[in-house]
């Protein structure tokens, strides 16, 4: 399995109503320092509905300014539909919404 496929499989593990960081996914894929590559893989996501890339935020909880499927406001809308509160500055509270099962 190539790195992009590993990323897609890892992202599918994030439950509804939770988020993970690019770094969380990189670590889960065995490449701790590959957060940017995770971002690139998600930008190339071939199955948007099946692979919930909108659940990925940066290490500060910020949404992607260039979200591949329509920008940060589309990502915000998708997260809010899952019950995730998105602040005015387009960040989420990682202490509250981060998927800890992936980070332990």
N, C-alpha and C. Protein backbone atom coordinates (compact mmCIF):
# COMPACT_ATOMS: atom_id res chain seq x y z
N UNK A 1 0.85 -1.18 0.00
CA UNK A 1 0.00 0.00 0.00
C UNK A 1 0.90 1.24 0.00
N UNK A 2 0.61 2.19 -0.90
CA UNK A 2 1.44 3.39 -0.95
C UNK A 2 1.00 4.38 0.14
N UNK A 3 1.77 5.44 0.31
CA UNK A 3 1.52 6.39 1.39
C UNK A 3 0.14 7.03 1.29
N UNK A 4 -0.27 7.46 0.09
CA UNK A 4 -1.58 8.08 -0.06
C UNK A 4 -2.68 7.12 0.38
N UNK A 5 -2.59 5.86 0.01
CA UNK A 5 -3.60 4.88 0.41
C UNK A 5 -3.62 4.71 1.93
N UNK A 6 -2.43 4.73 2.56
CA UNK A 6 -2.37 4.65 4.02
C UNK A 6 -3.07 5.86 4.65
N UNK A 7 -2.85 7.03 4.07
CA UNK A 7 -3.50 8.25 4.56
C UNK A 7 -5.02 8.09 4.48
N UNK A 8 -5.51 7.65 3.35
CA UNK A 8 -6.96 7.53 3.16
C UNK A 8 -7.54 6.53 4.16
N UNK A 9 -6.85 5.43 4.39
CA UNK A 9 -7.34 4.44 5.35
C UNK A 9 -7.36 5.02 6.77
N UNK A 10 -6.32 5.79 7.12
CA UNK A 10 -6.26 6.40 8.45
C UNK A 10 -7.37 7.42 8.64
N UNK A 11 -7.63 8.23 7.63
CA UNK A 11 -8.66 9.27 7.74
C UNK A 11 -10.04 8.64 7.92
N UNK A 12 -10.26 7.50 7.30
CA UNK A 12 -11.54 6.81 7.45
C UNK A 12 -11.80 6.37 8.89
N UNK A 13 -10.75 6.29 9.71
CA UNK A 13 -10.89 5.86 11.10
C UNK A 13 -11.37 6.97 12.03
N UNK A 14 -11.38 8.21 11.55
CA UNK A 14 -11.82 9.33 12.38
C UNK A 14 -13.34 9.27 12.49
N UNK A 15 -13.85 9.13 13.71
CA UNK A 15 -15.31 9.02 13.85
C UNK A 15 -16.04 10.34 13.57
N UNK A 16 -17.29 10.20 13.22
CA UNK A 16 -18.20 11.33 13.04
C UNK A 16 -18.13 12.20 14.29
N UNK A 17 -18.01 13.52 14.09
CA UNK A 17 -17.99 14.45 15.22
C UNK A 17 -16.63 14.63 15.85
N UNK A 18 -15.59 14.11 15.23
CA UNK A 18 -14.23 14.25 15.74
C UNK A 18 -13.32 14.75 14.62
N UNK A 19 -12.16 15.27 15.01
CA UNK A 19 -11.15 15.72 14.05
C UNK A 19 -9.80 15.11 14.42
N UNK A 20 -8.87 15.19 13.49
CA UNK A 20 -7.48 14.81 13.73
C UNK A 20 -6.61 15.84 13.01
N UNK A 21 -5.35 15.88 13.37
CA UNK A 21 -4.43 16.80 12.71
C UNK A 21 -3.68 16.07 11.60
N UNK A 22 -3.07 16.86 10.73
CA UNK A 22 -2.23 16.28 9.67
C UNK A 22 -1.13 15.43 10.31
N UNK A 23 -0.56 15.92 11.40
CA UNK A 23 0.49 15.19 12.11
C UNK A 23 -0.01 13.89 12.71
N UNK A 24 -1.23 13.89 13.24
CA UNK A 24 -1.81 12.65 13.78
C UNK A 24 -1.86 11.58 12.69
N UNK A 25 -2.30 11.98 11.53
CA UNK A 25 -2.43 11.02 10.42
C UNK A 25 -1.05 10.57 9.96
N UNK A 26 -0.10 11.48 9.89
CA UNK A 26 1.27 11.11 9.49
C UNK A 26 1.83 10.07 10.45
N UNK A 27 1.68 10.31 11.75
CA UNK A 27 2.16 9.34 12.75
C UNK A 27 1.46 7.99 12.61
N UNK A 28 0.17 8.02 12.41
CA UNK A 28 -0.59 6.79 12.25
C UNK A 28 -0.12 6.00 11.02
N UNK A 29 0.38 6.70 10.03
CA UNK A 29 0.87 6.06 8.80
C UNK A 29 2.35 5.68 8.90
N UNK A 30 2.96 5.91 10.07
CA UNK A 30 4.35 5.53 10.27
C UNK A 30 5.36 6.52 9.74
N UNK A 31 4.92 7.74 9.42
CA UNK A 31 5.83 8.77 8.90
C UNK A 31 5.60 10.06 9.68
N UNK A 32 6.13 10.07 10.88
CA UNK A 32 5.91 11.13 11.85
C UNK A 32 6.08 12.54 11.30
N UNK A 33 7.02 12.73 10.40
CA UNK A 33 7.34 14.08 9.92
C UNK A 33 6.74 14.37 8.55
N UNK A 34 5.66 13.68 8.19
CA UNK A 34 5.09 13.80 6.85
C UNK A 34 3.74 14.52 6.83
N UNK A 35 3.54 15.47 7.73
CA UNK A 35 2.25 16.17 7.80
C UNK A 35 1.92 16.87 6.48
N UNK A 36 2.91 17.48 5.85
CA UNK A 36 2.65 18.17 4.57
C UNK A 36 2.25 17.19 3.48
N UNK A 37 2.87 16.02 3.49
CA UNK A 37 2.52 15.01 2.51
C UNK A 37 1.09 14.51 2.74
N UNK A 38 0.67 14.44 4.01
CA UNK A 38 -0.72 14.09 4.32
C UNK A 38 -1.64 15.13 3.68
N UNK A 39 -1.30 16.40 3.82
CA UNK A 39 -2.10 17.46 3.21
C UNK A 39 -2.20 17.31 1.71
N UNK A 40 -1.09 16.98 1.08
CA UNK A 40 -1.08 16.80 -0.36
C UNK A 40 -1.95 15.60 -0.74
N UNK A 41 -1.84 14.52 -0.01
CA UNK A 41 -2.66 13.33 -0.28
C UNK A 41 -4.14 13.68 -0.18
N UNK A 42 -4.50 14.45 0.83
CA UNK A 42 -5.91 14.80 1.01
C UNK A 42 -6.38 15.76 -0.08
N UNK A 43 -5.49 16.59 -0.55
CA UNK A 43 -5.84 17.49 -1.65
C UNK A 43 -6.15 16.69 -2.91
N UNK A 44 -5.56 15.51 -3.02
CA UNK A 44 -5.76 14.63 -4.18
C UNK A 44 -6.87 13.60 -3.92
N UNK A 45 -7.56 13.69 -2.81
CA UNK A 45 -8.56 12.72 -2.38
C UNK A 45 -9.51 12.36 -3.53
N UNK A 46 -9.50 11.10 -3.98
CA UNK A 46 -10.35 10.72 -5.11
C UNK A 46 -11.79 10.38 -4.71
N UNK A 47 -12.06 10.23 -3.42
CA UNK A 47 -13.38 9.81 -2.97
C UNK A 47 -13.83 10.67 -1.79
N UNK A 48 -14.23 11.89 -2.07
CA UNK A 48 -14.54 12.87 -1.04
C UNK A 48 -15.57 12.36 -0.02
N UNK A 49 -16.62 11.72 -0.45
CA UNK A 49 -17.65 11.26 0.47
C UNK A 49 -17.14 10.12 1.34
N UNK A 50 -16.42 9.21 0.73
CA UNK A 50 -15.92 8.02 1.42
C UNK A 50 -14.76 8.34 2.37
N UNK A 51 -13.93 9.29 2.00
CA UNK A 51 -12.75 9.68 2.78
C UNK A 51 -13.01 11.07 3.36
N UNK A 52 -13.35 11.16 4.64
CA UNK A 52 -13.80 12.43 5.23
C UNK A 52 -12.66 13.41 5.54
N UNK A 53 -12.04 13.91 4.50
CA UNK A 53 -10.88 14.79 4.69
C UNK A 53 -11.24 16.10 5.39
N UNK A 54 -12.53 16.45 5.43
CA UNK A 54 -12.93 17.67 6.13
C UNK A 54 -12.67 17.57 7.63
N UNK A 55 -12.41 16.36 8.14
CA UNK A 55 -12.15 16.17 9.57
C UNK A 55 -10.68 16.40 9.94
N UNK A 56 -9.87 16.85 9.01
CA UNK A 56 -8.45 17.10 9.27
C UNK A 56 -8.23 18.60 9.43
N UNK A 57 -7.54 18.96 10.51
CA UNK A 57 -7.20 20.35 10.80
C UNK A 57 -5.69 20.43 11.08
N UNK A 58 -5.17 21.64 11.17
CA UNK A 58 -3.74 21.74 11.47
C UNK A 58 -3.49 21.58 12.97
N UNK A 59 -2.25 21.65 13.37
CA UNK A 59 -1.89 21.37 14.76
C UNK A 59 -2.45 22.38 15.76
N UNK A 60 -2.95 23.49 15.26
CA UNK A 60 -3.58 24.49 16.12
C UNK A 60 -5.11 24.40 16.08
N UNK A 61 -5.62 23.45 15.32
CA UNK A 61 -7.07 23.30 15.17
C UNK A 61 -7.66 24.14 14.06
N UNK A 62 -6.82 24.77 13.24
CA UNK A 62 -7.31 25.64 12.17
C UNK A 62 -7.74 24.83 10.95
N UNK A 63 -8.81 25.30 10.33
CA UNK A 63 -9.29 24.69 9.10
C UNK A 63 -8.34 25.01 7.96
N UNK A 64 -8.45 24.25 6.90
CA UNK A 64 -7.58 24.44 5.73
C UNK A 64 -8.05 25.65 4.94
N UNK A 65 -7.18 26.64 4.73
CA UNK A 65 -7.59 27.82 3.97
C UNK A 65 -7.91 27.49 2.51
N UNK A 66 -7.30 26.43 2.00
CA UNK A 66 -7.54 26.03 0.61
C UNK A 66 -8.14 24.63 0.58
N UNK A 67 -9.15 24.40 1.40
CA UNK A 67 -9.81 23.10 1.45
C UNK A 67 -10.15 22.67 0.02
N UNK A 68 -9.73 21.49 -0.33
CA UNK A 68 -9.79 21.02 -1.72
C UNK A 68 -11.19 21.01 -2.31
N UNK A 69 -12.21 20.98 -1.50
CA UNK A 69 -13.56 20.86 -2.02
C UNK A 69 -14.40 22.10 -1.79
N UNK A 70 -13.76 23.27 -1.84
CA UNK A 70 -14.54 24.49 -1.80
C UNK A 70 -14.11 25.55 -0.82
N UNK A 71 -13.03 25.37 -0.10
CA UNK A 71 -12.55 26.40 0.81
C UNK A 71 -12.93 26.14 2.25
N UNK A 72 -12.38 26.95 3.14
CA UNK A 72 -12.55 26.77 4.58
C UNK A 72 -14.01 26.86 5.01
N UNK A 73 -14.81 27.65 4.33
CA UNK A 73 -16.20 27.80 4.75
C UNK A 73 -17.02 26.54 4.43
N UNK A 74 -16.64 25.82 3.40
CA UNK A 74 -17.28 24.53 3.11
C UNK A 74 -16.86 23.52 4.18
N UNK A 75 -15.57 23.51 4.52
CA UNK A 75 -15.09 22.62 5.58
C UNK A 75 -15.81 22.94 6.89
N UNK A 76 -15.94 24.21 7.19
CA UNK A 76 -16.64 24.65 8.40
C UNK A 76 -18.06 24.10 8.41
N UNK A 77 -18.76 24.23 7.33
CA UNK A 77 -20.14 23.76 7.24
C UNK A 77 -20.22 22.25 7.46
N UNK A 78 -19.31 21.50 6.85
CA UNK A 78 -19.31 20.04 7.01
C UNK A 78 -19.04 19.64 8.46
N UNK A 79 -18.11 20.34 9.11
CA UNK A 79 -17.81 20.03 10.52
C UNK A 79 -19.00 20.39 11.41
N UNK A 80 -19.61 21.53 11.16
CA UNK A 80 -20.75 21.94 11.98
C UNK A 80 -21.92 20.96 11.81
N UNK A 81 -22.09 20.39 10.63
CA UNK A 81 -23.14 19.39 10.42
C UNK A 81 -22.91 18.16 11.30
N UNK A 82 -21.66 17.94 11.71
CA UNK A 82 -21.32 16.82 12.58
C UNK A 82 -21.34 17.21 14.06
N UNK A 83 -21.74 18.44 14.35
CA UNK A 83 -21.82 18.89 15.74
C UNK A 83 -20.53 19.48 16.28
N UNK A 84 -19.57 19.73 15.40
CA UNK A 84 -18.30 20.31 15.82
C UNK A 84 -18.41 21.83 15.75
N UNK A 85 -18.15 22.47 16.88
CA UNK A 85 -18.21 23.93 16.93
C UNK A 85 -16.96 24.51 16.28
N UNK A 86 -17.16 25.40 15.31
CA UNK A 86 -16.06 26.08 14.66
C UNK A 86 -16.11 27.54 15.08
N UNK A 87 -15.01 28.01 15.64
CA UNK A 87 -14.95 29.40 16.14
C UNK A 87 -14.92 30.40 14.98
N UNK A 88 -15.10 31.66 15.32
CA UNK A 88 -15.06 32.73 14.32
C UNK A 88 -13.74 32.78 13.56
N UNK A 89 -12.64 32.41 14.24
CA UNK A 89 -11.33 32.44 13.58
C UNK A 89 -11.06 31.16 12.78
N UNK A 90 -12.11 30.37 12.55
CA UNK A 90 -12.05 29.12 11.78
C UNK A 90 -11.11 28.08 12.41
N UNK A 91 -11.22 27.94 13.73
CA UNK A 91 -10.49 26.90 14.45
C UNK A 91 -11.49 26.07 15.25
N UNK A 92 -11.05 24.87 15.60
CA UNK A 92 -11.84 24.01 16.49
C UNK A 92 -11.03 23.75 17.74
N UNK A 93 -11.71 23.44 18.81
CA UNK A 93 -11.07 23.14 20.09
C UNK A 93 -10.56 21.69 20.05
N UNK A 94 -9.26 21.53 19.89
CA UNK A 94 -8.68 20.19 19.80
C UNK A 94 -8.86 19.41 21.10
N UNK A 95 -8.84 20.09 22.23
CA UNK A 95 -9.04 19.40 23.51
C UNK A 95 -10.42 18.76 23.57
N UNK A 96 -11.35 19.33 22.89
CA UNK A 96 -12.73 18.83 22.92
C UNK A 96 -13.05 17.86 21.78
N UNK A 97 -12.53 18.14 20.57
CA UNK A 97 -12.97 17.40 19.39
C UNK A 97 -11.93 16.45 18.78
N UNK A 98 -10.69 16.49 19.27
CA UNK A 98 -9.67 15.64 18.68
C UNK A 98 -9.96 14.17 18.95
N UNK A 99 -9.76 13.36 17.97
CA UNK A 99 -9.96 11.91 18.09
C UNK A 99 -8.76 11.33 18.83
N UNK A 100 -8.90 11.15 20.14
CA UNK A 100 -7.78 10.69 20.95
C UNK A 100 -7.40 9.25 20.67
N UNK A 101 -8.31 8.46 20.12
CA UNK A 101 -7.98 7.08 19.78
C UNK A 101 -6.84 7.00 18.77
N UNK A 102 -6.70 8.01 17.96
CA UNK A 102 -5.63 8.04 16.95
C UNK A 102 -4.32 8.58 17.49
N UNK A 103 -4.38 9.29 18.61
CA UNK A 103 -3.18 9.96 19.12
C UNK A 103 -2.53 9.25 20.30
N UNK A 104 -3.13 8.20 20.80
CA UNK A 104 -2.59 7.53 21.98
C UNK A 104 -1.49 6.55 21.61
